Amino acid sequence: MIKKTKRKSAKRTSPAKRNKTARYRLALYTLTMAISAMIYIGSQAVFTPAPPCANSKTCTSDLSEKIENGAFGLFAGRKIAAPDINLALDITRPRVLGTSDPLGEKRIYIDLSTQILYAYEGTSQIFQTFVSTGRWNWTPVGNFRIWHKVRSTRMSGGQGASAYDLPNVPFAMFFYGDFGMHGAYWHNNFGHTMSHGCVNMRQIDAETIFNWSNGPSKEQKGTIVSTCDSFTAPDICTQVNPINKL
């Protein structure tokens, strides 16, 4: 025997109810997207990663001026006497680089392929010298501005055979976190990589650039520093995946 059953008819939803449901779903989607965007923007503001460290032990420390005359430093397993610093002598030394009326915007280029630093005013090159960039750690490639200058400070970091602890590091000009240009008294191998990421210079050259360059002030921004994979005068700075902090 075949039992016949009566099929239930499907309930029909009125157009008004369907429109109300669609509007509810659209509102819920819009709200979800808005909340997601707010979370993303907030995380970018709060959790923006800090620049990496050039000096692993003093990266997060106070980068204020430190003068420690009579102190000894350590570099590559060698104990080194740090040079004494006499601020009174700085006042009597003439500032010979450039003029009181610059020829154009000041800019520093660092060619990582040749280990040469160039100083420009506009399109006029006014200085160049050999430097030593990163061997045990990379020197960041990009475009920055000097954000802090100190006459002398302590830098330390590395580990094992590459550990260092250096007081009275002279004429420090920081351009990306604690990456900076500064004088180096612990080696004389300029023109070759020798640093943990900073730009080492002869002390006399570091003093020249220190006195010529600008730090930030109410009237002006810090001098631009461009680190280049290669550099061709007067202004062709080749960079692969540069960091831009201008």
Protein backbone atom coordinates (compact mmCIF):
# COMPACT_ATOMS: atom_id res chain seq x y z
CA MET A 1 0.00 0.00 0.00
CA ILE A 2 1.28 3.37 -0.87
CA LYS A 3 0.70 5.91 1.80
CA LYS A 4 0.12 9.29 0.42
CA THR A 5 1.22 12.30 2.42
CA LYS A 6 0.36 15.89 1.88
CA ARG A 7 3.44 18.11 1.13
CA LYS A 8 3.73 21.11 3.36
CA SER A 9 3.93 24.31 1.47
CA ALA A 10 6.99 26.48 2.12
CA LYS A 11 6.39 29.63 4.01
CA ARG A 12 6.84 32.68 1.95
CA THR A 13 8.78 35.65 3.37
CA SER A 14 7.32 39.00 2.66
CA PRO A 15 9.43 41.52 0.65
CA ALA A 16 9.49 43.88 3.62
CA LYS A 17 10.94 41.20 5.89
CA ARG A 18 13.54 40.22 3.27
CA ASN A 19 14.63 43.86 2.94
CA LYS A 20 14.90 44.19 6.71
CA THR A 21 17.13 41.08 6.89
CA ALA A 22 19.37 42.35 4.06
CA ARG A 23 19.75 45.71 5.76
CA TYR A 24 20.64 43.98 9.05
CA ARG A 25 23.31 41.85 7.37
CA LEU A 26 24.76 44.88 5.56
CA ALA A 27 24.90 46.87 8.79
CA LEU A 28 26.57 43.96 10.60
CA TYR A 29 29.16 43.60 7.80
CA THR A 30 29.88 47.34 7.79
CA LEU A 31 30.29 47.37 11.57
CA THR A 32 32.65 44.37 11.45
CA MET A 33 34.82 45.99 8.78
CA ALA A 34 34.93 49.28 10.70
CA ILE A 35 36.01 47.55 13.91
CA SER A 36 38.68 45.58 12.03
CA ALA A 37 40.03 48.77 10.45
CA MET A 38 40.16 50.52 13.84
CA ILE A 39 42.03 47.58 15.39
CA TYR A 40 44.53 47.56 12.51
CA ILE A 41 45.16 51.32 12.65
CA GLY A 42 45.50 51.21 16.42
CA SER A 43 47.94 48.32 16.27
CA GLN A 44 50.04 50.20 13.72
CA ALA A 45 50.23 53.23 15.99
CA VAL A 46 50.91 51.30 19.19
CA PHE A 47 52.98 48.42 17.91
CA THR A 48 55.06 50.08 15.17
CA PRO A 49 58.40 48.26 15.41
CA ALA A 50 61.34 50.30 16.65
CA PRO A 51 64.47 50.59 14.51
CA PRO A 52 66.89 47.70 15.01
CA CYS A 53 69.95 48.26 17.16
CA ALA A 54 73.46 49.03 16.01
CA ASN A 55 74.75 48.79 19.59
CA SER A 56 72.97 45.87 21.22
CA LYS A 57 73.83 46.79 24.83
CA THR A 58 73.33 50.55 24.66
CA CYS A 59 70.56 50.65 22.05
CA THR A 60 67.80 51.46 24.51
CA SER A 61 69.91 53.47 26.92
CA ASP A 62 70.12 57.22 27.22
CA LEU A 63 72.04 58.63 24.25
CA SER A 64 72.96 61.80 26.09
CA GLU A 65 76.48 63.17 26.18
CA LYS A 66 78.92 61.11 28.23
CA ILE A 67 82.53 62.16 28.80
CA GLU A 68 84.64 59.56 30.63
CA ASN A 69 88.22 60.79 30.50
CA GLY A 70 90.82 58.29 31.66
CA ALA A 71 88.60 55.32 30.80
CA PHE A 72 89.58 52.23 28.81
CA GLY A 73 87.55 50.57 26.09
CA LEU A 74 87.33 47.07 24.66
CA PHE A 75 87.27 46.20 20.96
CA ALA A 76 87.81 42.75 19.37
CA GLY A 77 89.46 41.47 22.53
CA ARG A 78 91.84 44.43 22.84
CA LYS A 79 91.94 46.91 25.71
CA ILE A 80 92.19 50.44 24.32
CA ALA A 81 92.73 53.79 26.04
CA ALA A 82 89.94 56.18 25.10
CA PRO A 83 91.09 59.67 24.08
CA ASP A 84 90.41 62.44 26.58
CA ILE A 85 87.92 65.08 25.52
CA ASN A 86 88.40 68.76 26.31
CA LEU A 87 85.31 70.78 25.42
CA ALA A 88 87.22 74.04 25.86
CA LEU A 89 89.38 73.15 22.85
CA ASP A 90 86.30 72.70 20.66
CA ILE A 91 85.49 76.38 21.02
CA THR A 92 88.90 77.49 19.73
CA ARG A 93 88.94 75.26 16.63
CA PRO A 94 87.76 76.93 13.42
CA ARG A 95 84.88 75.43 11.46
CA VAL A 96 86.36 75.24 7.99
CA LEU A 97 83.86 73.16 5.99
CA GLY A 98 81.34 75.06 3.92
CA THR A 99 80.36 78.67 4.41
CA SER A 100 78.04 80.58 6.69
CA ASP A 101 75.75 80.88 3.65
CA PRO A 102 75.41 77.30 2.27
CA LEU A 103 75.26 76.83 -1.51
CA GLY A 104 72.11 74.74 -1.14
CA GLU A 105 70.52 72.10 1.06
CA LYS A 106 73.07 70.08 3.01
CA ARG A 107 73.08 66.36 2.28
CA ILE A 108 75.32 63.42 3.12
CA TYR A 109 75.69 60.37 0.85
CA ILE A 110 77.38 57.18 2.04
CA ASP A 111 78.43 54.74 -0.69
CA LEU A 112 78.44 51.28 0.91
CA SER A 113 80.14 49.71 -2.14
CA THR A 114 83.20 51.99 -1.98
CA GLN A 115 83.05 52.94 1.71
CA ILE A 116 83.14 56.65 0.86
CA LEU A 117 81.15 59.46 2.46
CA TYR A 118 80.29 62.58 0.43
CA ALA A 119 79.03 65.91 1.76
CA TYR A 120 77.04 68.19 -0.55
CA GLU A 121 75.58 71.65 -0.47
CA GLY A 122 73.03 71.65 -3.25
CA THR A 123 74.80 70.05 -6.24
CA SER A 124 78.27 71.09 -5.05
CA GLN A 125 80.41 68.43 -3.39
CA ILE A 126 82.39 70.04 -0.59
CA PHE A 127 83.89 67.00 1.19
CA GLN A 128 84.59 63.30 0.84
CA THR A 129 86.40 60.73 2.94
CA PHE A 130 86.74 56.99 3.49
CA VAL A 131 84.56 55.46 6.20
CA SER A 132 83.90 52.03 7.69
CA THR A 133 80.34 50.70 7.71
CA GLY A 134 78.80 47.44 8.93
CA ARG A 135 80.75 44.20 9.00
CA TRP A 136 79.27 42.37 12.01
CA ASN A 137 75.86 43.94 11.45
CA TRP A 138 74.25 45.62 8.46
CA THR A 139 74.20 49.36 7.85
CA PRO A 140 70.61 50.24 6.88
CA VAL A 141 70.09 51.45 3.31
CA GLY A 142 67.75 54.39 3.02
CA ASN A 143 67.12 58.09 3.47
CA PHE A 144 67.15 59.60 6.93
CA ARG A 145 67.75 62.82 8.83
CA ILE A 146 70.14 63.43 11.69
CA TRP A 147 67.84 63.34 14.71
CA HIS A 148 70.37 63.68 17.53
CA LYS A 149 73.96 64.86 17.95
CA VAL A 150 76.24 64.41 20.96
CA ARG A 151 79.89 65.37 21.38
CA SER A 152 80.70 62.08 23.09
CA THR A 153 78.90 58.96 24.28
CA ARG A 154 79.47 55.32 25.21
CA MET A 155 78.64 52.49 22.80
CA SER A 156 78.70 48.79 23.59
CA GLY A 157 77.39 45.57 22.13
CA GLY A 158 78.36 42.50 20.14
CA GLN A 159 79.30 39.19 21.68
CA GLY A 160 82.24 36.84 21.79
CA ALA A 161 85.17 37.94 19.66
CA SER A 162 83.18 40.89 18.26
CA ALA A 163 82.18 42.32 21.64
CA TYR A 164 83.00 45.97 22.29
CA ASP A 165 82.55 48.55 25.03
CA LEU A 166 83.78 51.99 24.02
CA PRO A 167 83.66 55.16 26.11
CA ASN A 168 84.20 58.65 24.70
CA VAL A 169 82.98 57.80 21.19
CA PRO A 170 83.41 61.25 19.63
CA PHE A 171 81.16 63.39 17.42
CA ALA A 172 78.15 61.06 17.25
CA MET A 173 75.39 61.95 14.77
CA PHE A 174 72.45 59.54 14.99
CA PHE A 175 70.22 59.18 11.93
CA TYR A 176 68.18 55.97 12.46
CA GLY A 177 67.60 54.82 16.00
CA ASP A 178 71.10 54.40 17.39
CA PHE A 179 72.67 53.98 13.94
CA GLY A 180 74.90 56.97 13.38
CA MET A 181 78.11 58.49 12.08
CA HIS A 182 80.91 59.03 14.59
CA GLY A 183 84.63 59.13 15.10
CA ALA A 184 86.48 55.86 15.73
CA TYR A 185 89.74 55.69 17.72
CA TRP A 186 89.90 51.90 18.00
CA HIS A 187 90.94 51.12 14.40
CA ASN A 188 92.52 52.78 11.37
CA ASN A 189 91.08 50.58 8.64
CA PHE A 190 88.89 53.15 6.93
CA GLY A 191 87.76 52.25 3.45
CA HIS A 192 86.80 48.77 4.69
CA THR A 193 83.83 47.50 6.69
CA MET A 194 84.65 47.49 10.40
CA SER A 195 81.51 48.35 12.37
CA HIS A 196 78.41 46.81 13.87
CA GLY A 197 76.21 49.00 11.65
CA CYS A 198 77.31 52.57 12.36
CA VAL A 199 79.45 54.67 10.05
CA ASN A 200 82.97 54.90 11.52
CA MET A 201 85.07 57.91 10.54
CA ARG A 202 88.51 59.27 11.33
CA GLN A 203 88.11 61.53 14.33
CA ILE A 204 89.18 64.64 12.42
CA ASP A 205 86.66 63.86 9.64
CA ALA A 206 83.89 63.16 12.13
CA GLU A 207 84.59 66.50 13.80
CA THR A 208 84.39 68.26 10.43
CA ILE A 209 81.02 66.70 9.53
CA PHE A 210 79.72 67.17 13.09
CA ASN A 211 80.41 70.90 13.00
CA TRP A 212 79.01 71.29 9.48
CA SER A 213 75.84 69.19 9.72
CA ASN A 214 72.57 70.25 11.32
CA GLY A 215 70.64 68.55 14.04
CA PRO A 216 66.89 69.19 14.33
CA SER A 217 65.68 72.47 15.81
CA LYS A 218 62.61 74.67 15.73
CA GLU A 219 64.00 76.43 12.66
CA GLN A 220 65.16 73.44 10.63
CA LYS A 221 65.19 69.69 10.17
CA GLY A 222 68.31 67.60 10.59
CA THR A 223 70.69 67.14 7.67
CA ILE A 224 69.65 64.39 5.24
CA VAL A 225 71.75 61.22 5.30
CA SER A 226 71.35 58.81 2.36
CA THR A 227 73.02 55.43 2.59
CA CYS A 228 73.42 53.97 -0.90
CA ASP A 229 74.19 50.53 -2.29
CA SER A 230 76.19 52.58 -4.79
CA PHE A 231 76.56 56.29 -5.49
CA THR A 232 77.34 58.25 -8.66
CA ALA A 233 77.99 61.98 -8.42
CA PRO A 234 76.31 64.32 -8.15
CA ASP A 235 73.09 62.74 -6.88
CA ILE A 236 72.46 59.20 -8.18
CA CYS A 237 72.03 57.09 -5.06
CA THR A 238 71.12 53.51 -5.96
CA GLN A 239 69.14 51.80 -3.20
CA VAL A 240 67.50 48.38 -3.01
CA ASN A 241 64.47 48.26 -0.69
CA PRO A 242 65.41 51.52 1.07
CA ILE A 243 64.05 52.72 4.40
CA ASN A 244 62.60 56.21 4.00
CA LYS A 245 62.43 58.38 7.12
CA LEU A 246 62.58 61.89 5.67
